[in-house]
C-alpha atoms as a PDB file:
ATOM      1  CA  MET A   1      60.180 -12.695 -29.410  1.00  0.00           C
ATOM      2  CA  TYR A   2      56.849 -11.802 -27.871  1.00  0.00           C
ATOM      3  CA  ASN A   3      55.935 -12.291 -24.180  1.00  0.00           C
ATOM      4  CA  ILE A   4      52.656 -14.175 -24.751  1.00  0.00           C
ATOM      5  CA  LEU A   5      51.120 -16.562 -27.213  1.00  0.00           C
ATOM      6  CA  GLY A   6      47.678 -17.766 -26.244  1.00  0.00           C
ATOM      7  CA  ILE A   7      45.842 -20.683 -27.858  1.00  0.00           C
ATOM      8  CA  GLY A   8      42.513 -22.382 -27.287  1.00  0.00           C
ATOM      9  CA  HIS A   9      39.842 -24.060 -29.363  1.00  0.00           C
ATOM     10  CA  PRO A  10      37.309 -21.641 -30.852  1.00  0.00           C
ATOM     11  CA  ARG A  11      34.427 -20.804 -28.466  1.00  0.00           C
ATOM     12  CA  THR A  12      36.481 -21.690 -25.361  1.00  0.00           C
ATOM     13  CA  GLY A  13      37.444 -18.189 -24.301  1.00  0.00           C
ATOM     14  CA  THR A  14      40.330 -16.891 -26.404  1.00  0.00           C
ATOM     15  CA  SER A  15      38.632 -13.459 -26.667  1.00  0.00           C
ATOM     16  CA  PHE A  16      38.065 -13.465 -22.900  1.00  0.00           C
ATOM     17  CA  THR A  17      41.657 -14.430 -22.242  1.00  0.00           C
ATOM     18  CA  SER A  18      43.105 -11.667 -24.425  1.00  0.00           C
ATOM     19  CA  LYS A  19      40.757  -9.185 -22.632  1.00  0.00           C
ATOM     20  CA  LEU A  20      42.266 -10.244 -19.307  1.00  0.00           C
ATOM     21  CA  PHE A  21      45.810  -9.670 -20.514  1.00  0.00           C
ATOM     22  CA  ARG A  22      44.901  -6.209 -21.690  1.00  0.00           C
ATOM     23  CA  LEU A  23      43.173  -5.381 -18.437  1.00  0.00           C
ATOM     24  CA  TRP A  24      46.258  -6.475 -16.521  1.00  0.00           C
ATOM     25  CA  GLY A  25      48.564  -4.287 -18.566  1.00  0.00           C
ATOM     26  CA  LEU A  26      49.839  -6.600 -21.326  1.00  0.00           C
ATOM     27  CA  ASP A  27      49.386  -5.434 -24.942  1.00  0.00           C
ATOM     28  CA  VAL A  28      48.073  -8.710 -26.289  1.00  0.00           C
ATOM     29  CA  GLY A  29      45.749  -8.791 -29.247  1.00  0.00           C
ATOM     30  CA  HIS A  30      42.921 -11.157 -30.082  1.00  0.00           C
ATOM     31  CA  GLU A  31      43.689 -12.629 -33.484  1.00  0.00           C
ATOM     32  CA  ARG A  32      46.021  -9.599 -33.877  1.00  0.00           C
ATOM     33  CA  LEU A  33      49.731  -9.523 -33.042  1.00  0.00           C
ATOM     34  CA  PHE A  34      50.496  -6.557 -30.784  1.00  0.00           C
ATOM     35  CA  ASN A  35      53.503  -5.505 -28.660  1.00  0.00           C
ATOM     36  CA  ASP A  36      53.221  -8.328 -26.063  1.00  0.00           C
ATOM     37  CA  GLY A  37      51.777 -11.008 -28.296  1.00  0.00           C
ATOM     38  CA  MET A  38      48.479 -12.478 -29.230  1.00  0.00           C
ATOM     39  CA  VAL A  39      45.734 -14.986 -28.350  1.00  0.00           C
ATOM     40  CA  ALA A  40      44.451 -16.861 -31.402  1.00  0.00           C
ATOM     41  CA  TRP A  41      43.071 -20.367 -31.789  1.00  0.00           C
ATOM     42  CA  GLN A  42      44.582 -20.445 -35.334  1.00  0.00           C
ATOM     43  CA  MET A  43      48.084 -20.589 -33.920  1.00  0.00           C
ATOM     44  CA  ILE A  44      47.662 -24.265 -33.233  1.00  0.00           C
ATOM     45  CA  ALA A  45      48.800 -24.774 -36.827  1.00  0.00           C
ATOM     46  CA  GLU A  46      52.475 -25.666 -37.095  1.00  0.00           C
ATOM     47  CA  SER A  47      54.805 -22.992 -38.459  1.00  0.00           C
ATOM     48  CA  GLY A  48      55.694 -23.801 -42.044  1.00  0.00           C
ATOM     49  CA  LEU A  49      53.110 -26.581 -42.158  1.00  0.00           C
ATOM     50  CA  ASN A  50      49.397 -25.943 -42.708  1.00  0.00           C
ATOM     51  CA  SER A  51      50.033 -22.376 -41.669  1.00  0.00           C
ATOM     52  CA  GLY A  52      48.663 -19.108 -42.974  1.00  0.00           C
ATOM     53  CA  PRO A  53      46.658 -17.548 -44.434  1.00  0.00           C
ATOM     54  CA  TYR A  54      44.539 -18.052 -41.339  1.00  0.00           C
ATOM     55  CA  PRO A  55      40.743 -17.578 -41.127  1.00  0.00           C
ATOM     56  CA  TYR A  56      39.685 -14.332 -39.442  1.00  0.00           C
ATOM     57  CA  ILE A  57      43.241 -13.030 -39.358  1.00  0.00           C
ATOM     58  CA  ARG A  58      42.738 -10.745 -42.325  1.00  0.00           C
ATOM     59  CA  PRO A  59      45.446  -9.158 -44.472  1.00  0.00           C
ATOM     60  CA  LEU A  60      44.751  -5.566 -43.414  1.00  0.00           C
ATOM     61  CA  GLU A  61      46.490  -2.695 -41.742  1.00  0.00           C
ATOM     62  CA  GLU A  62      45.136  -0.982 -38.653  1.00  0.00           C
ATOM     63  CA  TYR A  63      46.203   1.531 -36.045  1.00  0.00           C
ATOM     64  CA  HIS A  64      46.695   0.356 -32.502  1.00  0.00           C
ATOM     65  CA  GLU A  65      47.843   2.799 -29.799  1.00  0.00           C
ATOM     66  CA  GLY A  66      49.000   5.169 -32.572  1.00  0.00           C
ATOM     67  CA  VAL A  67      51.045   2.578 -34.419  1.00  0.00           C
ATOM     68  CA  LEU A  68      50.180   1.153 -37.813  1.00  0.00           C
ATOM     69  CA  TYR A  69      50.178  -2.648 -37.618  1.00  0.00           C
ATOM     70  CA  LYS A  70      50.109  -5.110 -40.447  1.00  0.00           C
ATOM     71  CA  SER A  71      47.809  -7.885 -39.186  1.00  0.00           C
ATOM     72  CA  THR A  72      48.803 -10.509 -41.735  1.00  0.00           C
ATOM     73  CA  ILE A  73      50.519 -13.405 -39.917  1.00  0.00           C
ATOM     74  CA  LYS A  74      52.268 -16.080 -41.999  1.00  0.00           C
ATOM     75  CA  GLN A  75      53.407 -18.323 -39.246  1.00  0.00           C
ATOM     76  CA  ARG A  76      53.254 -18.863 -35.448  1.00  0.00           C
ATOM     77  CA  PRO A  77      55.201 -16.038 -33.738  1.00  0.00           C
ATOM     78  CA  GLU A  78      58.003 -16.802 -31.373  1.00  0.00           C
ATOM     79  CA  TYR A  79      57.019 -16.434 -27.746  1.00  0.00           C
ATOM     80  CA  LYS A  80      58.315 -16.627 -24.153  1.00  0.00           C
ATOM     81  CA  TYR A  81      55.203 -18.105 -22.552  1.00  0.00           C
ATOM     82  CA  LEU A  82      52.433 -20.266 -24.112  1.00  0.00           C
ATOM     83  CA  ILE A  83      49.060 -20.006 -22.427  1.00  0.00           C
ATOM     84  CA  TYR A  84      46.364 -22.629 -23.329  1.00  0.00           C
ATOM     85  CA  ASN A  85      42.857 -21.722 -22.313  1.00  0.00           C
ATOM     86  CA  VAL A  86      40.090 -24.298 -21.876  1.00  0.00           C
ATOM     87  CA  ARG A  87      36.367 -24.047 -21.039  1.00  0.00           C
ATOM     88  CA  ASN A  88      33.839 -26.467 -19.598  1.00  0.00           C
ATOM     89  CA  PRO A  89      32.628 -28.622 -22.499  1.00  0.00           C
ATOM     90  CA  TYR A  90      29.110 -28.512 -21.169  1.00  0.00           C
ATOM     91  CA  TYR A  91      29.086 -24.901 -22.442  1.00  0.00           C
ATOM     92  CA  SER A  92      31.677 -24.948 -25.175  1.00  0.00           C
ATOM     93  CA  ILE A  93      30.253 -27.883 -27.193  1.00  0.00           C
ATOM     94  CA  PRO A  94      26.798 -26.241 -27.862  1.00  0.00           C
ATOM     95  CA  SER A  95      28.646 -23.065 -28.798  1.00  0.00           C
ATOM     96  CA  ILE A  96      30.918 -24.898 -31.217  1.00  0.00           C
ATOM     97  CA  VAL A  97      27.932 -26.851 -32.715  1.00  0.00           C
ATOM     98  CA  TYR A  98      25.730 -23.797 -33.202  1.00  0.00           C
ATOM     99  CA  THR A  99      28.078 -20.845 -33.723  1.00  0.00           C
ATOM    100  CA  GLU A 100      31.513 -22.095 -34.827  1.00  0.00           C
ATOM    101  CA  ASN A 101      31.250 -25.266 -36.912  1.00  0.00           C
ATOM    102  CA  THR A 102      28.600 -23.479 -38.969  1.00  0.00           C
ATOM    103  CA  SER A 103      31.524 -21.451 -40.397  1.00  0.00           C
ATOM    104  CA  LYS A 104      33.118 -23.418 -43.264  1.00  0.00           C
ATOM    105  CA  SER A 105      36.352 -21.391 -43.065  1.00  0.00           C
ATOM    106  CA  SER A 106      36.819 -22.212 -39.373  1.00  0.00           C
ATOM    107  CA  LEU A 107      35.694 -25.888 -39.658  1.00  0.00           C
ATOM    108  CA  ASN A 108      37.681 -26.602 -42.792  1.00  0.00           C
ATOM    109  CA  PHE A 109      40.837 -24.985 -41.454  1.00  0.00           C
ATOM    110  CA  ARG A 110      40.674 -27.014 -38.152  1.00  0.00           C
ATOM    111  CA  GLN A 111      39.851 -30.241 -39.926  1.00  0.00           C
ATOM    112  CA  THR A 112      42.834 -29.827 -42.251  1.00  0.00           C
ATOM    113  CA  VAL A 113      45.253 -28.902 -39.474  1.00  0.00           C
ATOM    114  CA  LEU A 114      43.936 -31.281 -36.779  1.00  0.00           C
ATOM    115  CA  GLU A 115      42.809 -34.115 -39.061  1.00  0.00           C
ATOM    116  CA  PHE A 116      39.733 -35.164 -37.156  1.00  0.00           C
ATOM    117  CA  PRO A 117      36.746 -36.902 -38.833  1.00  0.00           C
ATOM    118  CA  LEU A 118      33.552 -35.090 -39.766  1.00  0.00           C
ATOM    119  CA  ARG A 119      30.455 -36.847 -38.573  1.00  0.00           C
ATOM    120  CA  ASP A 120      26.754 -36.634 -39.460  1.00  0.00           C
ATOM    121  CA  ASN A 121      26.031 -35.858 -35.760  1.00  0.00           C
ATOM    122  CA  PRO A 122      27.479 -32.321 -35.292  1.00  0.00           C
ATOM    123  CA  ILE A 123      28.045 -33.039 -31.586  1.00  0.00           C
ATOM    124  CA  GLU A 124      30.504 -35.809 -32.494  1.00  0.00           C
ATOM    125  CA  THR A 125      32.324 -33.474 -34.916  1.00  0.00           C
ATOM    126  CA  ALA A 126      32.635 -30.853 -32.151  1.00  0.00           C
ATOM    127  CA  ILE A 127      33.987 -33.326 -29.696  1.00  0.00           C
ATOM    128  CA  PHE A 128      36.511 -34.705 -32.200  1.00  0.00           C
ATOM    129  CA  SER A 129      37.671 -31.182 -32.886  1.00  0.00           C
ATOM    130  CA  LEU A 130      38.027 -30.360 -29.166  1.00  0.00           C
ATOM    131  CA  LEU A 131      39.984 -33.483 -28.438  1.00  0.00           C
ATOM    132  CA  ALA A 132      42.304 -33.094 -31.485  1.00  0.00           C
ATOM    133  CA  TYR A 133      42.977 -29.500 -30.503  1.00  0.00           C
ATOM    134  CA  GLU A 134      43.788 -30.613 -26.960  1.00  0.00           C
ATOM    135  CA  GLU A 135      46.253 -33.205 -28.241  1.00  0.00           C
ATOM    136  CA  LYS A 136      48.144 -30.660 -30.337  1.00  0.00           C
ATOM    137  CA  ALA A 137      48.074 -28.020 -27.634  1.00  0.00           C
ATOM    138  CA  ILE A 138      49.549 -30.384 -25.070  1.00  0.00           C
ATOM    139  CA  GLU A 139      52.233 -31.416 -27.515  1.00  0.00           C
ATOM    140  CA  LEU A 140      53.324 -27.738 -27.502  1.00  0.00           C
ATOM    141  CA  ARG A 141      53.869 -28.043 -23.765  1.00  0.00           C
ATOM    142  CA  PRO A 142      52.037 -24.887 -22.610  1.00  0.00           C
ATOM    143  CA  ASP A 143      53.496 -22.955 -19.705  1.00  0.00           C
ATOM    144  CA  PHE A 144      50.041 -22.452 -18.166  1.00  0.00           C
ATOM    145  CA  VAL A 145      46.684 -24.112 -18.773  1.00  0.00           C
ATOM    146  CA  PHE A 146      43.989 -21.558 -18.004  1.00  0.00           C
ATOM    147  CA  ARG A 147      40.464 -22.673 -17.179  1.00  0.00           C
ATOM    148  CA  ILE A 148      38.497 -19.545 -17.910  1.00  0.00           C
ATOM    149  CA  GLU A 149      35.906 -20.163 -15.194  1.00  0.00           C
ATOM    150  CA  HIS A 150      38.302 -20.744 -12.276  1.00  0.00           C
ATOM    151  CA  ASP A 151      41.944 -19.629 -12.840  1.00  0.00           C
ATOM    152  CA  GLN A 152      42.070 -15.844 -13.122  1.00  0.00           C
ATOM    153  CA  ALA A 153      44.016 -15.450  -9.921  1.00  0.00           C
ATOM    154  CA  THR A 154      46.467 -18.284 -10.639  1.00  0.00           C
ATOM    155  CA  LEU A 155      47.053 -17.030 -14.154  1.00  0.00           C
ATOM    156  CA  TYR A 156      47.836 -13.590 -12.776  1.00  0.00           C
ATOM    157  CA  GLU A 157      50.232 -15.134 -10.242  1.00  0.00           C
ATOM    158  CA  PHE A 158      51.990 -16.958 -13.100  1.00  0.00           C
ATOM    159  CA  LEU A 159      52.441 -13.703 -15.025  1.00  0.00           C
ATOM    160  CA  ALA A 160      53.511 -11.733 -12.019  1.00  0.00           C
ATOM    161  CA  LYS A 161      56.036 -14.428 -11.008  1.00  0.00           C
ATOM    162  CA  ASN A 162      57.595 -14.080 -14.460  1.00  0.00           C
ATOM    163  CA  ASN A 163      57.995 -10.319 -14.041  1.00  0.00           C
ATOM    164  CA  LEU A 164      55.590  -9.283 -16.833  1.00  0.00           C
ATOM    165  CA  GLY A 165      54.503  -6.133 -14.997  1.00  0.00           C
ATOM    166  CA  VAL A 166      50.886  -7.015 -14.575  1.00  0.00           C
ATOM    167  CA  GLU A 167      48.328  -5.454 -12.229  1.00  0.00           C
ATOM    168  CA  TYR A 168      45.317  -7.598 -11.192  1.00  0.00           C
ATOM    169  CA  VAL A 169      41.770  -6.679 -12.142  1.00  0.00           C
ATOM    170  CA  GLU A 170      38.891  -9.075 -11.556  1.00  0.00           C
ATOM    171  CA  TYR A 171      36.836  -9.579 -14.688  1.00  0.00           C
ATOM    172  CA  ASN A 172      33.702 -11.615 -15.052  1.00  0.00           C
ATOM    173  CA  LYS A 173      31.831 -10.182 -18.029  1.00  0.00           C
ATOM    174  CA  LYS A 174      30.931 -12.411 -20.949  1.00  0.00           C
ATOM    175  CA  ILE A 175      32.916 -11.749 -24.105  1.00  0.00           C
ATOM    176  CA  ASN A 176      31.836 -12.501 -27.701  1.00  0.00           C
ATOM    177  CA  ALA A 177      28.750 -14.354 -26.387  1.00  0.00           C
ATOM    178  CA  ARG A 178      26.474 -15.564 -29.138  1.00  0.00           C
ATOM    179  CA  PRO A 179      22.906 -16.857 -28.542  1.00  0.00           C
ATOM    180  CA  HIS A 180      22.331 -20.527 -29.177  1.00  0.00           C
ATOM    181  CA  LYS A 181      20.569 -23.589 -27.783  1.00  0.00           C
ATOM    182  CA  ASN A 182      21.911 -25.080 -24.479  1.00  0.00           C
ATOM    183  CA  PHE A 183      23.384 -28.514 -23.907  1.00  0.00           C
ATOM    184  CA  SER A 184      20.057 -30.269 -23.217  1.00  0.00           C
ATOM    185  CA  GLU A 185      18.393 -28.696 -26.244  1.00  0.00           C
ATOM    186  CA  MET A 186      21.336 -29.724 -28.376  1.00  0.00           C
ATOM    187  CA  ILE A 187      21.083 -33.395 -27.274  1.00  0.00           C
ATOM    188  CA  SER A 188      17.365 -33.363 -27.907  1.00  0.00           C
ATOM    189  CA  GLU A 189      17.948 -32.064 -31.418  1.00  0.00           C
ATOM    190  CA  TYR A 190      20.857 -34.303 -32.470  1.00  0.00           C
ATOM    191  CA  GLY A 191      20.952 -37.207 -30.041  1.00  0.00           C
ATOM    192  CA  LEU A 192      23.765 -38.529 -27.922  1.00  0.00           C
ATOM    193  CA  PRO A 193      27.228 -38.995 -29.338  1.00  0.00           C
ATOM    194  CA  SER A 194      28.788 -42.425 -29.350  1.00  0.00           C
ATOM    195  CA  THR A 195      29.571 -44.133 -26.045  1.00  0.00           C
ATOM    196  CA  GLN A 196      33.260 -43.907 -26.905  1.00  0.00           C
ATOM    197  CA  LEU A 197      33.095 -40.131 -27.413  1.00  0.00           C
ATOM    198  CA  GLN A 198      31.121 -39.660 -24.256  1.00  0.00           C
ATOM    199  CA  GLU A 199      33.882 -41.435 -22.355  1.00  0.00           C
ATOM    200  CA  LEU A 200      36.660 -39.452 -24.082  1.00  0.00           C
ATOM    201  CA  ILE A 201      35.064 -36.033 -23.419  1.00  0.00           C
ATOM    202  CA  ASN A 202      34.278 -37.093 -19.833  1.00  0.00           C
ATOM    203  CA  ASN A 203      37.990 -37.874 -19.458  1.00  0.00           C
ATOM    204  CA  PHE A 204      38.792 -34.396 -20.808  1.00  0.00           C
ATOM    205  CA  CYS A 205      36.452 -32.938 -18.136  1.00  0.00           C
ATOM    206  CA  VAL A 206      38.100 -34.880 -15.329  1.00  0.00           C
ATOM    207  CA  LYS A 207      41.574 -34.007 -16.488  1.00  0.00           C
ATOM    208  CA  HIS A 208      40.749 -30.244 -16.358  1.00  0.00           C
ATOM    209  CA  GLY A 209      38.752 -30.369 -13.175  1.00  0.00           C
ATOM    210  CA  TYR A 210      35.257 -30.123 -14.586  1.00  0.00           C
ATOM    211  CA  GLU A 211      32.305 -32.400 -13.839  1.00  0.00           C
ATOM    212  CA  LYS A 212      31.600 -35.194 -16.373  1.00  0.00           C
ATOM    213  CA  ILE A 213      28.930 -34.057 -18.892  1.00  0.00           C
ATOM    214  CA  PHE A 214      27.663 -37.519 -19.674  1.00  0.00           C
ATOM    215  CA  GLY A 215      26.373 -39.908 -17.066  1.00  0.00           C
END
């Protein structure tokens, strides 16, 4: 059993979260399973159902800290603590639209596992994906929900309280940032999503302590 399993929708900070764990002394890989666990959006898939092979978790071998690891993962690993990271949709939705849903392997895998509809307006597809991911993540009853913009200190306190031997380091650099149009430019290009989806993603924002993104 591993100490940590981290999940979060693509483009919401899984790479950033895994970087924090490593800075604090936990050997947690990003889309790689190391000594203390991993952070990988793909692990939202149920073990034994719609599971591996997973996109981007390639069947290769690699050295990590002098040990040869087989990176192929066939099902969700057992874990002590489940961490679910979220990001402000004002920033995550444009990133999903322009840099994640453009990948067929990512979009097709999520659509198969999460069973959300694909829409002509890519903003609506991104929102459906985010909300479906959220529903499955909450069903797994995460031990800590980590807002990547606000909760470094409280995440650290959670890990320290559970005697995981962490040492705090503040970290604010962007990880895996990809250039793309911003929220306003995205709306100008594709138009507003449906009123229903605007309300649903606004509810997501309020639930996680973000400002509503649609007026």
